[in-house]
N, C-alpha and C. Protein backbone atom coordinates (compact mmCIF):
# COMPACT_ATOMS: atom_id res chain seq x y z
N UNK A 1 94.93 100.90 63.39
CA UNK A 1 95.68 99.76 64.05
C UNK A 1 94.67 98.80 64.53
N UNK A 2 94.86 97.45 64.35
CA UNK A 2 93.91 96.51 64.82
C UNK A 2 93.90 96.22 66.29
N UNK A 3 92.75 96.14 66.95
CA UNK A 3 92.73 95.82 68.40
C UNK A 3 92.70 94.36 68.60
N UNK A 4 93.32 94.02 69.69
CA UNK A 4 93.47 92.54 70.05
C UNK A 4 92.96 92.42 71.49
N UNK A 5 92.44 91.26 71.88
CA UNK A 5 92.06 90.99 73.23
C UNK A 5 93.22 90.86 74.25
N UNK A 6 93.11 91.54 75.42
CA UNK A 6 94.15 91.38 76.40
C UNK A 6 93.46 91.14 77.75
N UNK A 7 94.09 90.41 78.63
CA UNK A 7 93.55 89.94 79.89
C UNK A 7 94.49 90.68 80.94
N UNK A 8 93.76 91.41 81.88
CA UNK A 8 94.47 92.36 82.76
C UNK A 8 94.34 92.01 84.24
N UNK A 9 95.41 92.01 84.92
CA UNK A 9 95.29 91.94 86.40
C UNK A 9 95.95 93.27 86.95
N UNK A 10 95.06 94.02 87.60
CA UNK A 10 95.51 95.40 88.18
C UNK A 10 96.39 95.14 89.30
N UNK A 11 96.08 94.14 90.25
CA UNK A 11 96.88 93.84 91.41
C UNK A 11 98.43 93.67 91.15
N UNK A 12 98.56 92.71 90.11
CA UNK A 12 99.96 92.37 89.73
C UNK A 12 100.36 93.16 88.60
N UNK A 13 99.64 94.04 88.07
CA UNK A 13 99.97 94.97 87.00
C UNK A 13 100.33 94.07 85.80
N UNK A 14 99.57 93.04 85.44
CA UNK A 14 99.84 92.09 84.50
C UNK A 14 99.01 92.26 83.30
N UNK A 15 99.69 92.17 82.11
CA UNK A 15 98.88 92.16 80.79
C UNK A 15 99.24 90.94 80.05
N UNK A 16 98.32 90.18 79.59
CA UNK A 16 98.50 88.97 78.77
C UNK A 16 97.65 88.85 77.55
N UNK A 17 98.07 88.24 76.49
CA UNK A 17 97.09 87.90 75.43
C UNK A 17 96.78 86.45 75.58
N UNK A 18 97.15 85.76 76.51
CA UNK A 18 96.77 84.39 76.66
C UNK A 18 95.92 84.30 77.84
N UNK A 19 94.53 83.76 77.59
CA UNK A 19 93.63 83.89 78.72
C UNK A 19 93.92 82.97 79.76
N UNK A 20 94.60 81.75 79.63
CA UNK A 20 94.86 80.92 80.71
C UNK A 20 96.33 81.06 81.18
N UNK A 21 97.11 82.18 80.68
CA UNK A 21 98.40 82.35 81.06
C UNK A 21 98.68 82.83 82.37
N UNK A 22 97.79 83.57 82.89
CA UNK A 22 97.91 84.16 84.23
C UNK A 22 96.56 84.54 84.78
N UNK A 23 96.27 84.55 86.12
CA UNK A 23 95.04 84.99 86.63
C UNK A 23 94.74 86.37 86.22
N UNK A 24 93.49 86.74 85.89
CA UNK A 24 93.14 88.10 85.36
C UNK A 24 91.81 88.45 85.94
N UNK A 25 91.56 89.80 86.11
CA UNK A 25 90.29 90.29 86.49
C UNK A 25 89.41 90.88 85.37
N UNK A 26 90.18 91.53 84.37
CA UNK A 26 89.35 92.33 83.40
C UNK A 26 89.83 91.85 82.03
N UNK A 27 88.99 92.02 81.06
CA UNK A 27 89.31 91.70 79.68
C UNK A 27 88.97 93.11 78.76
N UNK A 28 90.04 93.36 77.95
CA UNK A 28 89.94 94.62 77.21
C UNK A 28 90.29 94.37 75.73
N UNK A 29 90.06 95.21 74.89
CA UNK A 29 90.36 95.21 73.47
C UNK A 29 91.23 96.45 73.24
N UNK A 30 92.45 96.34 72.72
CA UNK A 30 93.37 97.48 72.70
C UNK A 30 94.39 97.26 71.50
N UNK A 31 94.80 98.43 71.03
CA UNK A 31 95.87 98.35 69.98
C UNK A 31 97.25 98.36 70.71
N UNK A 32 98.36 98.07 69.97
CA UNK A 32 99.67 98.05 70.66
C UNK A 32 100.01 99.33 71.27
N UNK A 33 99.59 100.45 70.72
CA UNK A 33 99.72 101.79 71.24
C UNK A 33 99.11 101.85 72.54
N UNK A 34 97.92 101.46 72.63
CA UNK A 34 97.09 101.49 73.85
C UNK A 34 97.68 100.72 74.96
N UNK A 35 98.15 99.57 74.65
CA UNK A 35 98.82 98.69 75.66
C UNK A 35 100.09 99.28 76.09
N UNK A 36 100.97 99.92 75.20
CA UNK A 36 102.12 100.61 75.70
C UNK A 36 101.67 101.75 76.59
N UNK A 37 100.68 102.45 76.38
CA UNK A 37 100.21 103.59 77.33
C UNK A 37 99.76 102.97 78.68
N UNK A 38 99.04 101.91 78.67
CA UNK A 38 98.69 101.25 79.79
C UNK A 38 99.87 100.71 80.66
N UNK A 39 100.78 100.03 79.94
CA UNK A 39 101.95 99.64 80.64
C UNK A 39 102.84 100.77 81.19
N UNK A 40 102.82 102.00 80.65
CA UNK A 40 103.32 103.17 81.21
C UNK A 40 102.72 103.56 82.49
N UNK A 41 101.39 103.49 82.53
CA UNK A 41 100.69 103.81 83.72
C UNK A 41 100.98 102.91 84.85
N UNK A 42 101.09 101.52 84.55
CA UNK A 42 101.43 100.57 85.41
C UNK A 42 102.79 100.79 86.00
N UNK A 43 103.70 101.22 85.09
CA UNK A 43 105.18 101.57 85.53
C UNK A 43 105.07 102.75 86.56
N UNK A 44 104.22 103.78 86.24
CA UNK A 44 104.02 104.95 87.10
C UNK A 44 103.57 104.39 88.54
N UNK A 45 102.66 103.47 88.47
CA UNK A 45 102.15 102.86 89.69
C UNK A 45 103.17 102.27 90.52
N UNK A 46 103.95 101.48 89.81
CA UNK A 46 105.18 100.80 90.55
C UNK A 46 106.15 101.82 91.13
N UNK A 47 106.44 102.87 90.45
CA UNK A 47 107.25 103.94 90.97
C UNK A 47 106.70 104.67 92.17
N UNK A 48 105.38 104.87 92.21
CA UNK A 48 104.76 105.46 93.23
C UNK A 48 104.66 104.50 94.48
N UNK A 49 104.47 103.29 94.15
CA UNK A 49 104.45 102.16 95.08
C UNK A 49 105.79 102.05 95.94
N UNK A 50 106.89 102.15 95.20
CA UNK A 50 108.24 102.07 95.84
C UNK A 50 108.43 103.34 96.63
N UNK A 51 107.98 104.47 96.01
CA UNK A 51 108.33 105.85 96.82
C UNK A 51 107.42 105.70 98.17
N UNK A 52 106.16 105.24 98.04
CA UNK A 52 105.36 105.15 99.11
C UNK A 52 105.96 104.15 100.21
N UNK A 53 106.59 103.07 99.82
CA UNK A 53 107.24 102.18 100.72
C UNK A 53 108.39 102.82 101.50
N UNK A 54 109.28 103.56 100.78
CA UNK A 54 110.30 104.25 101.36
C UNK A 54 109.76 105.39 102.30
N UNK A 55 108.71 106.03 101.97
CA UNK A 55 108.16 107.09 102.73
C UNK A 55 107.59 106.54 104.02
N UNK A 56 107.05 105.30 104.04
CA UNK A 56 106.40 104.72 105.20
C UNK A 56 107.41 104.35 106.32
N UNK A 57 108.74 104.36 105.96
CA UNK A 57 109.72 104.12 106.86
C UNK A 57 110.46 105.40 107.42
N UNK A 58 109.79 106.53 107.11
CA UNK A 58 110.30 107.80 107.69
C UNK A 58 109.22 108.26 108.77
N UNK A 59 109.53 108.01 110.13
CA UNK A 59 108.46 108.17 111.11
C UNK A 59 108.09 109.57 111.37
N UNK A 60 108.87 110.59 110.98
CA UNK A 60 108.57 111.89 111.39
C UNK A 60 107.59 112.47 110.28
N UNK A 61 107.28 111.92 109.05
CA UNK A 61 106.57 112.39 108.12
C UNK A 61 105.03 112.05 108.41
N UNK A 62 104.19 113.06 108.37
CA UNK A 62 102.83 112.84 108.80
C UNK A 62 102.11 112.10 107.60
N UNK A 63 101.27 111.15 107.93
CA UNK A 63 100.56 110.30 107.05
C UNK A 63 99.63 111.16 106.07
N UNK A 64 99.00 112.20 106.57
CA UNK A 64 98.00 112.94 105.87
C UNK A 64 98.78 113.82 104.85
N UNK A 65 100.08 114.05 105.01
CA UNK A 65 100.86 114.65 103.96
C UNK A 65 101.73 113.80 103.27
N UNK A 66 101.19 113.07 102.33
CA UNK A 66 101.75 111.92 101.59
C UNK A 66 101.55 112.07 100.11
N UNK A 67 102.40 112.78 99.49
CA UNK A 67 102.25 112.99 97.98
C UNK A 67 102.45 111.60 97.19
N UNK A 68 103.27 110.77 97.91
CA UNK A 68 103.50 109.47 97.14
C UNK A 68 102.18 108.67 97.10
N UNK A 69 101.45 108.62 98.20
CA UNK A 69 100.21 107.90 98.26
C UNK A 69 99.19 108.63 97.39
N UNK A 70 99.19 109.86 97.31
CA UNK A 70 98.25 110.60 96.37
C UNK A 70 98.60 110.21 94.95
N UNK A 71 99.88 110.14 94.64
CA UNK A 71 100.22 109.82 93.22
C UNK A 71 99.82 108.42 92.81
N UNK A 72 99.98 107.45 93.84
CA UNK A 72 99.51 106.10 93.58
C UNK A 72 97.92 106.08 93.34
N UNK A 73 97.27 106.76 94.15
CA UNK A 73 95.70 106.89 93.87
C UNK A 73 95.39 107.45 92.61
N UNK A 74 96.17 108.51 92.13
CA UNK A 74 95.91 109.09 90.77
C UNK A 74 96.09 108.06 89.71
N UNK A 75 97.24 107.37 89.92
CA UNK A 75 97.64 106.40 88.79
C UNK A 75 96.69 105.18 88.66
N UNK A 76 96.19 104.77 89.91
CA UNK A 76 95.10 103.77 89.94
C UNK A 76 93.95 104.24 89.24
N UNK A 77 93.51 105.46 89.44
CA UNK A 77 92.28 106.01 88.75
C UNK A 77 92.55 106.01 87.33
N UNK A 78 93.71 106.40 86.81
CA UNK A 78 94.09 106.50 85.51
C UNK A 78 93.99 105.01 84.86
N UNK A 79 94.48 104.11 85.53
CA UNK A 79 94.44 102.67 85.07
C UNK A 79 92.92 102.24 84.92
N UNK A 80 92.19 102.52 85.88
CA UNK A 80 90.70 102.10 85.83
C UNK A 80 89.99 102.85 84.75
N UNK A 81 90.33 104.11 84.59
CA UNK A 81 89.76 104.85 83.47
C UNK A 81 90.16 104.25 82.01
N UNK A 82 91.35 103.99 81.95
CA UNK A 82 91.84 103.36 80.61
C UNK A 82 91.16 101.94 80.51
N UNK A 83 91.10 101.10 81.49
CA UNK A 83 90.49 99.84 81.36
C UNK A 83 89.05 99.93 81.08
N UNK A 84 88.36 100.97 81.64
CA UNK A 84 86.86 101.18 81.43
C UNK A 84 86.71 101.51 79.81
N UNK A 85 87.59 102.56 79.41
CA UNK A 85 87.49 102.97 78.11
C UNK A 85 87.79 101.82 77.08
N UNK A 86 88.69 100.96 77.43
CA UNK A 86 89.11 99.85 76.47
C UNK A 86 88.36 98.49 76.73
N UNK A 87 87.57 98.50 77.78
CA UNK A 87 86.90 97.28 78.31
C UNK A 87 85.81 96.83 77.47
N UNK A 88 85.64 95.43 77.48
CA UNK A 88 84.59 94.90 76.88
C UNK A 88 83.32 95.11 77.91
N UNK A 89 82.15 94.72 77.47
CA UNK A 89 80.97 95.18 78.22
C UNK A 89 80.99 94.61 79.74
N UNK A 90 81.61 93.39 79.98
CA UNK A 90 81.65 92.87 81.19
C UNK A 90 82.47 93.64 82.03
N UNK A 91 83.67 94.03 81.46
CA UNK A 91 84.62 94.78 82.11
C UNK A 91 84.07 96.28 82.58
N UNK A 92 83.42 96.86 81.68
CA UNK A 92 82.78 98.15 82.00
C UNK A 92 81.77 98.07 83.09
N UNK A 93 81.00 96.97 83.01
CA UNK A 93 79.93 96.75 84.15
C UNK A 93 80.69 96.52 85.44
N UNK A 94 81.76 95.73 85.55
CA UNK A 94 82.38 95.47 86.68
C UNK A 94 83.02 96.76 87.38
N UNK A 95 83.62 97.61 86.46
CA UNK A 95 84.24 98.86 86.88
C UNK A 95 83.20 99.80 87.49
N UNK A 96 82.02 99.80 86.67
CA UNK A 96 80.95 100.62 87.18
C UNK A 96 80.46 100.23 88.67
N UNK A 97 80.33 98.81 88.83
CA UNK A 97 79.87 98.28 90.01
C UNK A 97 80.89 98.67 91.18
N UNK A 98 82.13 98.78 90.88
CA UNK A 98 83.12 99.07 91.95
C UNK A 98 82.96 100.53 92.43
N UNK A 99 82.37 101.38 91.46
CA UNK A 99 82.17 102.82 91.87
C UNK A 99 83.52 103.69 91.92
N UNK A 100 84.59 103.03 91.42
CA UNK A 100 85.94 103.62 91.62
C UNK A 100 86.15 104.81 90.71
N UNK A 101 85.36 105.09 89.73
CA UNK A 101 85.56 106.20 88.83
C UNK A 101 84.54 107.44 89.34
N UNK A 102 83.93 107.19 90.49
CA UNK A 102 83.07 108.22 90.95
C UNK A 102 83.94 109.00 91.86
N UNK A 103 83.88 110.57 91.71
CA UNK A 103 84.70 111.26 92.56
C UNK A 103 83.92 111.67 93.85
N UNK A 104 84.35 112.54 94.65
CA UNK A 104 83.86 112.80 95.90
C UNK A 104 82.48 113.63 95.78
N UNK A 105 82.20 114.37 94.74
CA UNK A 105 80.97 114.97 94.64
C UNK A 105 79.85 114.03 93.99
N UNK A 106 80.24 112.66 93.77
CA UNK A 106 79.21 111.68 93.34
C UNK A 106 79.04 111.59 91.93
N UNK A 107 79.85 112.45 91.19
CA UNK A 107 79.62 112.44 89.66
C UNK A 107 80.49 111.28 89.12
N UNK A 108 79.84 110.41 88.17
CA UNK A 108 80.56 109.39 87.67
C UNK A 108 81.26 109.79 86.39
N UNK A 109 82.67 109.48 86.39
CA UNK A 109 83.44 109.90 85.22
C UNK A 109 83.63 109.01 84.16
N UNK A 110 82.70 107.95 84.08
CA UNK A 110 82.73 106.88 83.06
C UNK A 110 82.28 107.62 81.70
N UNK A 111 82.69 107.09 80.59
CA UNK A 111 82.30 107.56 79.36
C UNK A 111 81.22 106.84 78.64
N UNK A 112 80.75 105.90 79.32
CA UNK A 112 79.70 104.99 78.74
C UNK A 112 78.35 105.71 78.67
């Protein structure tokens, strides 16, 4: 399958093929199937975000026991790993500079 250029905004969970269509942070090259997978992870982030919002309004639940927030963190890591794998050189460099794919033991999980 042929890869095409896409412009991604992680904050708004936006995916566009038009560079000037929406503000974006990262540029990737992906197949239709890879974009569907990325959209799926963005959808999981949305679900976790809504669950976290609901949980935040339950005062007797302890903050450190927050599986919804943990799920959001995992999905965000999945997004950045996918964007790193599909990213152009500038995108990979930007994600590396963020240090977001480095786990607590300091090991970088980038595949570059």
